Amino acid sequence: MSSYSVNLSNESPKSAPSTSLPPSPAGASVTDATPLSPRSVLAALDAHPDVSPQQLRQLVHSLALTIQTRASQHASQVAGLKNVIADLEENLGQVAERWDSPPEGYVRNTDDLVPGFDIHQDGNLVRAKFVHLHTGDPTCVHGLTGNEKPGEGPYSKAVFATPVRGLVPVGLPSWFHHMLIGRTSHFEKLRNAAHALNNFGIVADISRFRQDHDVLRQLLQEQDMLAAELELVRERLGLTRGRLEAANAPNLVGQLEWEEDRRPDTTVPFTPKVRHGRFAAPPFPQA
């Protein structure tokens, strides 16, 4: 409630109206009149029906002074109330603007900037009102509804480039592909240009392509290393086999041939085990 109040009486409502007439001494003028409330004037007139013209003029001027005083007080109070209303409306506008403004780093999720970003809040699905590119994962975005309680949010969602309706896709041009997989400075320039479009889906897929390409390149490098190591092991096996043949090793232990021929066929298929990129042969039997 406002501290301003309007009191249209110059006298206390609980006080009894005065019935005495204003004095009319010789030489008194109407300018000497004092304000009187309407109740006091009416009471004086009722109590003194034979009031003199001079006293009547005094009463009229007293009543006029009261009306003027009340009008002035009313105008002052109205002006004060208007100032209070203006201040409240300004504060309300500031509060509404702050509530409706995106938090720092966020933008308003309009025109389907991030479509389908619905957040479970108080048992309802609420569309994300503000969105922001994920700082740790550029393939995702953060979102807020604007009605989060302390400790709630932000919420995360993976985003993807949205196909243009009616457009027939064509292959990526070579310059675009080179910027995707080329130097870091070129890639950053490409991603910054996409970010300026305010299209989080394109930014996310550009980042996703780069990440997957880096993983693919690492796997291909590991594959080449394994292939080279495999070829080296095969060469060592061939050299070792040749040395055994040149040393006539089978004939030196030929007495074991009959034992090997009498064994049942319990050959276990060889399964190479990969340990840190190397093929580990099964251990030799202990004597």
C-alpha atoms as a PDB file:
ATOM      1  CA  MET A   1       0.000   0.000   0.000  1.00  0.00           C
ATOM      2  CA  SER A   2       1.158   3.544  -0.734  1.00  0.00           C
ATOM      3  CA  SER A   3       2.006   5.850   2.106  1.00  0.00           C
ATOM      4  CA  TYR A   4      -0.131   8.473   0.458  1.00  0.00           C
ATOM      5  CA  SER A   5      -3.689   8.924   1.754  1.00  0.00           C
ATOM      6  CA  VAL A   6      -6.393  11.474   1.032  1.00  0.00           C
ATOM      7  CA  ASN A   7      -8.201  13.264   3.858  1.00  0.00           C
ATOM      8  CA  LEU A   8     -10.877  15.626   2.498  1.00  0.00           C
ATOM      9  CA  SER A   9     -11.610  17.221   5.860  1.00  0.00           C
ATOM     10  CA  ASN A  10      -9.614  19.825   7.719  1.00  0.00           C
ATOM     11  CA  GLU A  11     -11.100  18.642  10.984  1.00  0.00           C
ATOM     12  CA  SER A  12     -10.995  15.289  12.712  1.00  0.00           C
ATOM     13  CA  PRO A  13     -14.004  13.119  11.731  1.00  0.00           C
ATOM     14  CA  LYS A  14     -14.575  12.322  15.397  1.00  0.00           C
ATOM     15  CA  SER A  15     -14.735  15.980  16.511  1.00  0.00           C
ATOM     16  CA  ALA A  16     -18.158  17.594  16.774  1.00  0.00           C
ATOM     17  CA  PRO A  17     -18.801  20.401  14.266  1.00  0.00           C
ATOM     18  CA  SER A  18     -18.609  23.884  15.698  1.00  0.00           C
ATOM     19  CA  THR A  19     -21.917  25.816  15.859  1.00  0.00           C
ATOM     20  CA  SER A  20     -20.405  29.182  16.680  1.00  0.00           C
ATOM     21  CA  LEU A  21     -20.389  31.929  14.108  1.00  0.00           C
ATOM     22  CA  PRO A  22     -17.141  33.588  13.144  1.00  0.00           C
ATOM     23  CA  PRO A  23     -16.590  36.849  14.967  1.00  0.00           C
ATOM     24  CA  SER A  24     -17.508  40.005  13.087  1.00  0.00           C
ATOM     25  CA  PRO A  25     -15.640  42.796  14.816  1.00  0.00           C
ATOM     26  CA  ALA A  26     -15.717  46.297  13.424  1.00  0.00           C
ATOM     27  CA  GLY A  27     -13.311  46.737  10.553  1.00  0.00           C
ATOM     28  CA  ALA A  28     -12.874  42.968   9.966  1.00  0.00           C
ATOM     29  CA  SER A  29     -12.514  41.918   6.308  1.00  0.00           C
ATOM     30  CA  VAL A  30     -13.138  38.683   4.541  1.00  0.00           C
ATOM     31  CA  THR A  31      -9.400  38.229   4.193  1.00  0.00           C
ATOM     32  CA  ASP A  32      -9.286  37.529   7.906  1.00  0.00           C
ATOM     33  CA  ALA A  33     -11.485  34.445   7.451  1.00  0.00           C
ATOM     34  CA  THR A  34     -10.162  31.068   8.669  1.00  0.00           C
ATOM     35  CA  PRO A  35     -10.922  27.763   6.923  1.00  0.00           C
ATOM     36  CA  LEU A  36     -14.025  25.912   8.151  1.00  0.00           C
ATOM     37  CA  SER A  37     -15.216  22.475   7.192  1.00  0.00           C
ATOM     38  CA  PRO A  38     -18.554  22.049   5.409  1.00  0.00           C
ATOM     39  CA  ARG A  39     -19.991  20.381   8.526  1.00  0.00           C
ATOM     40  CA  SER A  40     -19.064  23.369  10.666  1.00  0.00           C
ATOM     41  CA  VAL A  41     -20.649  25.820   8.219  1.00  0.00           C
ATOM     42  CA  LEU A  42     -23.859  23.801   8.030  1.00  0.00           C
ATOM     43  CA  ALA A  43     -23.995  23.439  11.801  1.00  0.00           C
ATOM     44  CA  ALA A  44     -23.511  27.204  12.280  1.00  0.00           C
ATOM     45  CA  LEU A  45     -26.245  28.011   9.791  1.00  0.00           C
ATOM     46  CA  ASP A  46     -28.638  25.570  11.442  1.00  0.00           C
ATOM     47  CA  ALA A  47     -27.908  27.009  14.877  1.00  0.00           C
ATOM     48  CA  HIS A  48     -28.157  30.630  13.777  1.00  0.00           C
ATOM     49  CA  PRO A  49     -30.893  31.119  11.177  1.00  0.00           C
ATOM     50  CA  ASP A  50     -30.685  34.898  11.577  1.00  0.00           C
ATOM     51  CA  VAL A  51     -27.014  35.145  10.621  1.00  0.00           C
ATOM     52  CA  SER A  52     -25.953  38.574   9.453  1.00  0.00           C
ATOM     53  CA  PRO A  53     -24.796  39.203   5.884  1.00  0.00           C
ATOM     54  CA  GLN A  54     -21.279  39.976   7.114  1.00  0.00           C
ATOM     55  CA  GLN A  55     -21.076  36.722   9.058  1.00  0.00           C
ATOM     56  CA  LEU A  56     -22.556  34.869   6.090  1.00  0.00           C
ATOM     57  CA  ARG A  57     -19.822  36.271   3.877  1.00  0.00           C
ATOM     58  CA  GLN A  58     -17.293  35.160   6.480  1.00  0.00           C
ATOM     59  CA  LEU A  59     -18.723  31.656   6.396  1.00  0.00           C
ATOM     60  CA  VAL A  60     -18.662  31.561   2.608  1.00  0.00           C
ATOM     61  CA  HIS A  61     -15.063  32.703   2.484  1.00  0.00           C
ATOM     62  CA  SER A  62     -14.091  30.210   5.205  1.00  0.00           C
ATOM     63  CA  LEU A  63     -15.741  27.458   3.214  1.00  0.00           C
ATOM     64  CA  ALA A  64     -13.990  28.640   0.024  1.00  0.00           C
ATOM     65  CA  LEU A  65     -10.630  28.581   1.808  1.00  0.00           C
ATOM     66  CA  THR A  66     -11.313  25.026   2.917  1.00  0.00           C
ATOM     67  CA  ILE A  67     -12.185  23.966  -0.643  1.00  0.00           C
ATOM     68  CA  GLN A  68      -9.060  25.609  -2.032  1.00  0.00           C
ATOM     69  CA  THR A  69      -6.905  23.993   0.643  1.00  0.00           C
ATOM     70  CA  ARG A  70      -8.410  20.592  -0.032  1.00  0.00           C
ATOM     71  CA  ALA A  71      -8.010  21.016  -3.795  1.00  0.00           C
ATOM     72  CA  SER A  72      -4.372  21.942  -3.344  1.00  0.00           C
ATOM     73  CA  GLN A  73      -3.798  19.000  -0.998  1.00  0.00           C
ATOM     74  CA  HIS A  74      -5.614  16.661  -3.385  1.00  0.00           C
ATOM     75  CA  ALA A  75      -3.561  17.846  -6.358  1.00  0.00           C
ATOM     76  CA  SER A  76      -0.366  17.359  -4.368  1.00  0.00           C
ATOM     77  CA  GLN A  77      -1.412  13.875  -3.290  1.00  0.00           C
ATOM     78  CA  VAL A  78      -2.424  12.916  -6.842  1.00  0.00           C
ATOM     79  CA  ALA A  79       0.944  14.110  -8.139  1.00  0.00           C
ATOM     80  CA  GLY A  80       2.688  12.066  -5.451  1.00  0.00           C
ATOM     81  CA  LEU A  81       0.667   8.980  -6.306  1.00  0.00           C
ATOM     82  CA  LYS A  82       1.445   9.423  -9.998  1.00  0.00           C
ATOM     83  CA  ASN A  83       5.144   9.561  -9.164  1.00  0.00           C
ATOM     84  CA  VAL A  84       4.827   6.381  -7.087  1.00  0.00           C
ATOM     85  CA  ILE A  85       2.967   4.638  -9.941  1.00  0.00           C
ATOM     86  CA  ALA A  86       5.612   5.766 -12.446  1.00  0.00           C
ATOM     87  CA  ASP A  87       8.391   4.438 -10.203  1.00  0.00           C
ATOM     88  CA  LEU A  88       6.595   1.118  -9.735  1.00  0.00           C
ATOM     89  CA  GLU A  89       5.971   0.767 -13.469  1.00  0.00           C
ATOM     90  CA  GLU A  90       9.642   1.507 -14.178  1.00  0.00           C
ATOM     91  CA  ASN A  91      10.766  -1.063 -11.610  1.00  0.00           C
ATOM     92  CA  LEU A  92       8.303  -3.583 -12.994  1.00  0.00           C
ATOM     93  CA  GLY A  93       9.636  -2.997 -16.498  1.00  0.00           C
ATOM     94  CA  GLN A  94      13.204  -3.502 -15.325  1.00  0.00           C
ATOM     95  CA  VAL A  95      12.291  -6.710 -13.515  1.00  0.00           C
ATOM     96  CA  ALA A  96      10.387  -8.001 -16.547  1.00  0.00           C
ATOM     97  CA  GLU A  97      13.290  -7.090 -18.820  1.00  0.00           C
ATOM     98  CA  ARG A  98      15.790  -8.874 -16.583  1.00  0.00           C
ATOM     99  CA  TRP A  99      13.553 -11.931 -16.367  1.00  0.00           C
ATOM    100  CA  ASP A 100      13.057 -12.044 -20.125  1.00  0.00           C
ATOM    101  CA  SER A 101      16.675 -11.286 -21.042  1.00  0.00           C
ATOM    102  CA  PRO A 102      18.978 -14.212 -21.897  1.00  0.00           C
ATOM    103  CA  PRO A 103      21.627 -15.025 -19.286  1.00  0.00           C
ATOM    104  CA  GLU A 104      25.204 -14.097 -20.103  1.00  0.00           C
ATOM    105  CA  GLY A 105      26.477 -16.106 -23.064  1.00  0.00           C
ATOM    106  CA  TYR A 106      23.006 -17.398 -24.024  1.00  0.00           C
ATOM    107  CA  VAL A 107      20.733 -16.415 -26.913  1.00  0.00           C
ATOM    108  CA  ARG A 108      16.984 -16.679 -27.259  1.00  0.00           C
ATOM    109  CA  ASN A 109      15.855 -19.979 -28.795  1.00  0.00           C
ATOM    110  CA  THR A 110      13.688 -18.440 -31.508  1.00  0.00           C
ATOM    111  CA  ASP A 111      12.907 -19.482 -35.072  1.00  0.00           C
ATOM    112  CA  ASP A 112      13.687 -23.112 -34.232  1.00  0.00           C
ATOM    113  CA  LEU A 113      17.329 -22.338 -33.523  1.00  0.00           C
ATOM    114  CA  VAL A 114      17.465 -25.624 -31.582  1.00  0.00           C
ATOM    115  CA  PRO A 115      14.244 -27.480 -32.477  1.00  0.00           C
ATOM    116  CA  GLY A 116      12.891 -30.170 -30.193  1.00  0.00           C
ATOM    117  CA  PHE A 117      14.830 -29.013 -27.144  1.00  0.00           C
ATOM    118  CA  ASP A 118      12.224 -29.912 -24.504  1.00  0.00           C
ATOM    119  CA  ILE A 119      13.159 -30.011 -20.816  1.00  0.00           C
ATOM    120  CA  HIS A 120      11.379 -31.952 -18.054  1.00  0.00           C
ATOM    121  CA  GLN A 121      10.472 -29.431 -15.386  1.00  0.00           C
ATOM    122  CA  ASP A 122       7.946 -29.964 -12.589  1.00  0.00           C
ATOM    123  CA  GLY A 123       6.452 -32.917 -14.432  1.00  0.00           C
ATOM    124  CA  ASN A 124       5.985 -30.998 -17.676  1.00  0.00           C
ATOM    125  CA  LEU A 125       7.894 -30.686 -20.927  1.00  0.00           C
ATOM    126  CA  VAL A 126       9.056 -27.092 -21.299  1.00  0.00           C
ATOM    127  CA  ARG A 127      10.774 -25.798 -24.425  1.00  0.00           C
ATOM    128  CA  ALA A 128      14.251 -24.365 -23.856  1.00  0.00           C
ATOM    129  CA  LYS A 129      13.937 -20.589 -23.923  1.00  0.00           C
ATOM    130  CA  PHE A 130      17.660 -19.773 -23.957  1.00  0.00           C
ATOM    131  CA  VAL A 131      20.457 -21.798 -25.572  1.00  0.00           C
ATOM    132  CA  HIS A 132      24.241 -21.649 -25.543  1.00  0.00           C
ATOM    133  CA  LEU A 133      26.870 -23.705 -27.369  1.00  0.00           C
ATOM    134  CA  HIS A 134      28.336 -26.301 -25.016  1.00  0.00           C
ATOM    135  CA  THR A 135      31.740 -25.114 -23.822  1.00  0.00           C
ATOM    136  CA  GLY A 136      33.165 -28.617 -23.371  1.00  0.00           C
ATOM    137  CA  ASP A 137      31.505 -30.406 -26.297  1.00  0.00           C
ATOM    138  CA  PRO A 138      30.804 -28.366 -29.452  1.00  0.00           C
ATOM    139  CA  THR A 139      28.455 -31.078 -30.723  1.00  0.00           C
ATOM    140  CA  CYS A 140      25.982 -30.215 -27.942  1.00  0.00           C
ATOM    141  CA  VAL A 141      24.205 -27.140 -26.607  1.00  0.00           C
ATOM    142  CA  HIS A 142      23.173 -25.995 -23.160  1.00  0.00           C
ATOM    143  CA  GLY A 143      19.593 -24.891 -22.569  1.00  0.00           C
ATOM    144  CA  LEU A 144      17.539 -23.075 -19.924  1.00  0.00           C
ATOM    145  CA  THR A 145      13.813 -22.500 -19.581  1.00  0.00           C
ATOM    146  CA  GLY A 146      14.204 -19.287 -17.602  1.00  0.00           C
ATOM    147  CA  ASN A 147      12.239 -20.758 -14.681  1.00  0.00           C
ATOM    148  CA  GLU A 148      14.978 -22.837 -13.083  1.00  0.00           C
ATOM    149  CA  LYS A 149      15.131 -23.128  -9.339  1.00  0.00           C
ATOM    150  CA  PRO A 150      18.471 -22.741  -7.535  1.00  0.00           C
ATOM    151  CA  GLY A 151      20.712 -25.660  -8.451  1.00  0.00           C
ATOM    152  CA  GLU A 152      18.783 -26.597 -11.609  1.00  0.00           C
ATOM    153  CA  GLY A 153      20.238 -26.495 -15.126  1.00  0.00           C
ATOM    154  CA  PRO A 154      21.744 -25.984 -17.495  1.00  0.00           C
ATOM    155  CA  TYR A 155      20.501 -28.895 -19.590  1.00  0.00           C
ATOM    156  CA  SER A 156      22.410 -30.499 -22.481  1.00  0.00           C
ATOM    157  CA  LYS A 157      21.298 -31.787 -25.867  1.00  0.00           C
ATOM    158  CA  ALA A 158      23.166 -33.101 -28.904  1.00  0.00           C
ATOM    159  CA  VAL A 159      22.392 -31.145 -32.066  1.00  0.00           C
ATOM    160  CA  PHE A 160      22.782 -31.924 -35.759  1.00  0.00           C
ATOM    161  CA  ALA A 161      22.642 -29.966 -38.996  1.00  0.00           C
ATOM    162  CA  THR A 162      19.077 -29.657 -40.275  1.00  0.00           C
ATOM    163  CA  PRO A 163      18.547 -30.506 -43.979  1.00  0.00           C
ATOM    164  CA  VAL A 164      17.221 -27.665 -46.119  1.00  0.00           C
ATOM    165  CA  ARG A 165      13.758 -28.617 -47.301  1.00  0.00           C
ATOM    166  CA  GLY A 166      13.572 -29.094 -51.058  1.00  0.00           C
ATOM    167  CA  LEU A 167      17.367 -28.977 -51.552  1.00  0.00           C
ATOM    168  CA  VAL A 168      19.062 -31.794 -53.473  1.00  0.00           C
ATOM    169  CA  PRO A 169      22.319 -32.540 -51.577  1.00  0.00           C
ATOM    170  CA  VAL A 170      25.595 -32.427 -53.488  1.00  0.00           C
ATOM    171  CA  GLY A 171      29.075 -33.486 -52.488  1.00  0.00           C
ATOM    172  CA  LEU A 172      31.154 -31.224 -50.300  1.00  0.00           C
ATOM    173  CA  PRO A 173      33.461 -29.027 -52.397  1.00  0.00           C
ATOM    174  CA  SER A 174      37.165 -29.687 -52.068  1.00  0.00           C
ATOM    175  CA  TRP A 175      37.942 -26.338 -50.372  1.00  0.00           C
ATOM    176  CA  PHE A 176      35.320 -27.052 -47.710  1.00  0.00           C
ATOM    177  CA  HIS A 177      36.639 -30.577 -47.147  1.00  0.00           C
ATOM    178  CA  HIS A 178      40.217 -29.310 -46.911  1.00  0.00           C
ATOM    179  CA  MET A 179      39.212 -26.799 -44.240  1.00  0.00           C
ATOM    180  CA  LEU A 180      37.412 -29.564 -42.337  1.00  0.00           C
ATOM    181  CA  ILE A 181      40.446 -31.835 -42.129  1.00  0.00           C
ATOM    182  CA  GLY A 182      43.326 -29.422 -42.696  1.00  0.00           C
ATOM    183  CA  ARG A 183      45.309 -27.179 -40.396  1.00  0.00           C
ATOM    184  CA  THR A 184      43.831 -26.211 -37.073  1.00  0.00           C
ATOM    185  CA  SER A 185      43.849 -22.518 -38.007  1.00  0.00           C
ATOM    186  CA  HIS A 186      41.843 -23.237 -41.181  1.00  0.00           C
ATOM    187  CA  PHE A 187      39.383 -25.389 -39.283  1.00  0.00           C
ATOM    188  CA  GLU A 188      38.912 -22.738 -36.589  1.00  0.00           C
ATOM    189  CA  LYS A 189      38.234 -20.153 -39.282  1.00  0.00           C
ATOM    190  CA  LEU A 190      35.578 -22.431 -40.784  1.00  0.00           C
ATOM    191  CA  ARG A 191      33.931 -23.124 -37.440  1.00  0.00           C
ATOM    192  CA  ASN A 192      33.926 -19.432 -36.481  1.00  0.00           C
ATOM    193  CA  ALA A 193      32.225 -18.595 -39.772  1.00  0.00           C
ATOM    194  CA  ALA A 194      29.595 -21.244 -39.062  1.00  0.00           C
ATOM    195  CA  HIS A 195      29.150 -19.899 -35.537  1.00  0.00           C
ATOM    196  CA  ALA A 196      28.484 -16.435 -36.970  1.00  0.00           C
ATOM    197  CA  LEU A 197      25.532 -17.952 -38.825  1.00  0.00           C
ATOM    198  CA  ASN A 198      23.945 -18.679 -35.433  1.00  0.00           C
ATOM    199  CA  ASN A 199      23.324 -22.236 -36.644  1.00  0.00           C
ATOM    200  CA  PHE A 200      24.288 -24.584 -33.825  1.00  0.00           C
ATOM    201  CA  GLY A 201      23.521 -27.689 -35.911  1.00  0.00           C
ATOM    202  CA  ILE A 202      26.099 -26.822 -38.576  1.00  0.00           C
ATOM    203  CA  VAL A 203      28.662 -25.897 -35.922  1.00  0.00           C
ATOM    204  CA  ALA A 204      28.029 -29.236 -34.198  1.00  0.00           C
ATOM    205  CA  ASP A 205      28.401 -31.329 -37.365  1.00  0.00           C
ATOM    206  CA  ILE A 206      31.517 -29.451 -38.453  1.00  0.00           C
ATOM    207  CA  SER A 207      33.028 -30.227 -35.048  1.00  0.00           C
ATOM    208  CA  ARG A 208      31.740 -33.798 -35.176  1.00  0.00           C
ATOM    209  CA  PHE A 209      33.292 -34.377 -38.612  1.00  0.00           C
ATOM    210  CA  ARG A 210      36.652 -33.081 -37.386  1.00  0.00           C
ATOM    211  CA  GLN A 211      36.558 -35.265 -34.273  1.00  0.00           C
ATOM    212  CA  ASP A 212      35.641 -38.422 -36.200  1.00  0.00           C
ATOM    213  CA  HIS A 213      38.238 -37.718 -38.870  1.00  0.00           C
ATOM    214  CA  ASP A 214      40.936 -37.339 -36.206  1.00  0.00           C
ATOM    215  CA  VAL A 215      39.871 -40.676 -34.697  1.00  0.00           C
ATOM    216  CA  LEU A 216      39.907 -42.312 -38.139  1.00  0.00           C
ATOM    217  CA  ARG A 217      43.370 -40.942 -38.885  1.00  0.00           C
ATOM    218  CA  GLN A 218      44.668 -42.268 -35.562  1.00  0.00           C
ATOM    219  CA  LEU A 219      43.175 -45.706 -36.227  1.00  0.00           C
ATOM    220  CA  LEU A 220      44.671 -45.811 -39.733  1.00  0.00           C
ATOM    221  CA  GLN A 221      48.074 -44.936 -38.317  1.00  0.00           C
ATOM    222  CA  GLU A 222      47.735 -47.727 -35.775  1.00  0.00           C
ATOM    223  CA  GLN A 223      46.595 -50.077 -38.555  1.00  0.00           C
ATOM    224  CA  ASP A 224      49.669 -49.217 -40.642  1.00  0.00           C
ATOM    225  CA  MET A 225      51.914 -49.777 -37.628  1.00  0.00           C
ATOM    226  CA  LEU A 226      50.299 -53.159 -36.953  1.00  0.00           C
ATOM    227  CA  ALA A 227      50.592 -54.140 -40.622  1.00  0.00           C
ATOM    228  CA  ALA A 228      54.288 -53.240 -40.615  1.00  0.00           C
ATOM    229  CA  GLU A 229      54.833 -55.137 -37.372  1.00  0.00           C
ATOM    230  CA  LEU A 230      52.940 -58.124 -38.759  1.00  0.00           C
ATOM    231  CA  GLU A 231      55.153 -58.153 -41.838  1.00  0.00           C
ATOM    232  CA  LEU A 232      58.251 -57.937 -39.626  1.00  0.00           C
ATOM    233  CA  VAL A 233      57.120 -60.929 -37.562  1.00  0.00           C
ATOM    234  CA  ARG A 234      56.496 -62.906 -40.738  1.00  0.00           C
ATOM    235  CA  GLU A 235      59.980 -62.072 -41.961  1.00  0.00           C
ATOM    236  CA  ARG A 236      61.498 -63.188 -38.650  1.00  0.00           C
ATOM    237  CA  LEU A 237      59.539 -66.421 -38.840  1.00  0.00           C
ATOM    238  CA  GLY A 238      60.887 -67.047 -42.368  1.00  0.00           C
ATOM    239  CA  LEU A 239      64.476 -66.347 -41.313  1.00  0.00           C
ATOM    240  CA  THR A 240      64.194 -68.564 -38.276  1.00  0.00           C
ATOM    241  CA  ARG A 241      62.649 -71.343 -40.369  1.00  0.00           C
ATOM    242  CA  GLY A 242      65.513 -71.075 -42.860  1.00  0.00           C
ATOM    243  CA  ARG A 243      68.123 -71.315 -40.115  1.00  0.00           C
ATOM    244  CA  LEU A 244      66.465 -74.413 -38.669  1.00  0.00           C
ATOM    245  CA  GLU A 245      66.398 -76.033 -42.101  1.00  0.00           C
ATOM    246  CA  ALA A 246      70.041 -75.102 -42.774  1.00  0.00           C
ATOM    247  CA  ALA A 247      71.125 -76.537 -39.419  1.00  0.00           C
ATOM    248  CA  ASN A 248      69.462 -79.900 -40.260  1.00  0.00           C
ATOM    249  CA  ALA A 249      67.576 -79.620 -36.947  1.00  0.00           C
ATOM    250  CA  PRO A 250      64.838 -82.181 -37.848  1.00  0.00           C
ATOM    251  CA  ASN A 251      67.360 -84.962 -38.473  1.00  0.00           C
ATOM    252  CA  LEU A 252      69.241 -84.208 -35.274  1.00  0.00           C
ATOM    253  CA  VAL A 253      66.120 -84.956 -33.238  1.00  0.00           C
ATOM    254  CA  GLY A 254      64.627 -87.438 -35.687  1.00  0.00           C
ATOM    255  CA  GLN A 255      64.024 -90.004 -32.897  1.00  0.00           C
ATOM    256  CA  LEU A 256      61.033 -87.887 -31.836  1.00  0.00           C
ATOM    257  CA  GLU A 257      59.259 -88.370 -35.139  1.00  0.00           C
ATOM    258  CA  TRP A 258      57.665 -91.689 -34.164  1.00  0.00           C
ATOM    259  CA  GLU A 259      56.329 -90.201 -30.919  1.00  0.00           C
ATOM    260  CA  GLU A 260      54.774 -87.279 -32.789  1.00  0.00           C
ATOM    261  CA  ASP A 261      53.152 -89.612 -35.328  1.00  0.00           C
ATOM    262  CA  ARG A 262      51.544 -91.703 -32.531  1.00  0.00           C
ATOM    263  CA  ARG A 263      49.958 -88.695 -30.817  1.00  0.00           C
ATOM    264  CA  PRO A 264      46.250 -88.153 -31.421  1.00  0.00           C
ATOM    265  CA  ASP A 265      45.339 -85.089 -33.450  1.00  0.00           C
ATOM    266  CA  THR A 266      44.706 -82.535 -30.667  1.00  0.00           C
ATOM    267  CA  THR A 267      46.088 -79.525 -32.443  1.00  0.00           C
ATOM    268  CA  VAL A 268      44.819 -76.296 -30.890  1.00  0.00           C
ATOM    269  CA  PRO A 269      44.308 -73.542 -33.463  1.00  0.00           C
ATOM    270  CA  PHE A 270      46.731 -70.701 -32.937  1.00  0.00           C
ATOM    271  CA  THR A 271      45.031 -67.496 -31.785  1.00  0.00           C
ATOM    272  CA  PRO A 272      47.382 -64.536 -31.625  1.00  0.00           C
ATOM    273  CA  LYS A 273      46.935 -62.306 -28.619  1.00  0.00           C
ATOM    274  CA  VAL A 274      47.544 -58.616 -29.082  1.00  0.00           C
ATOM    275  CA  ARG A 275      49.428 -56.952 -26.274  1.00  0.00           C
ATOM    276  CA  HIS A 276      50.263 -53.284 -26.802  1.00  0.00           C
ATOM    277  CA  GLY A 277      50.278 -53.741 -30.548  1.00  0.00           C
ATOM    278  CA  ARG A 278      52.393 -56.937 -30.530  1.00  0.00           C
ATOM    279  CA  PHE A 279      51.415 -60.527 -31.237  1.00  0.00           C
ATOM    280  CA  ALA A 280      52.277 -62.631 -28.212  1.00  0.00           C
ATOM    281  CA  ALA A 281      53.089 -66.253 -28.987  1.00  0.00           C
ATOM    282  CA  PRO A 282      51.957 -68.923 -26.484  1.00  0.00           C
ATOM    283  CA  PRO A 283      54.607 -69.700 -23.868  1.00  0.00           C
ATOM    284  CA  PHE A 284      56.983 -72.652 -24.335  1.00  0.00           C
ATOM    285  CA  PRO A 285      56.227 -75.710 -22.174  1.00  0.00           C
ATOM    286  CA  GLN A 286      58.318 -75.991 -19.058  1.00  0.00           C
ATOM    287  CA  ALA A 287      60.636 -78.947 -18.605  1.00  0.00           C
END
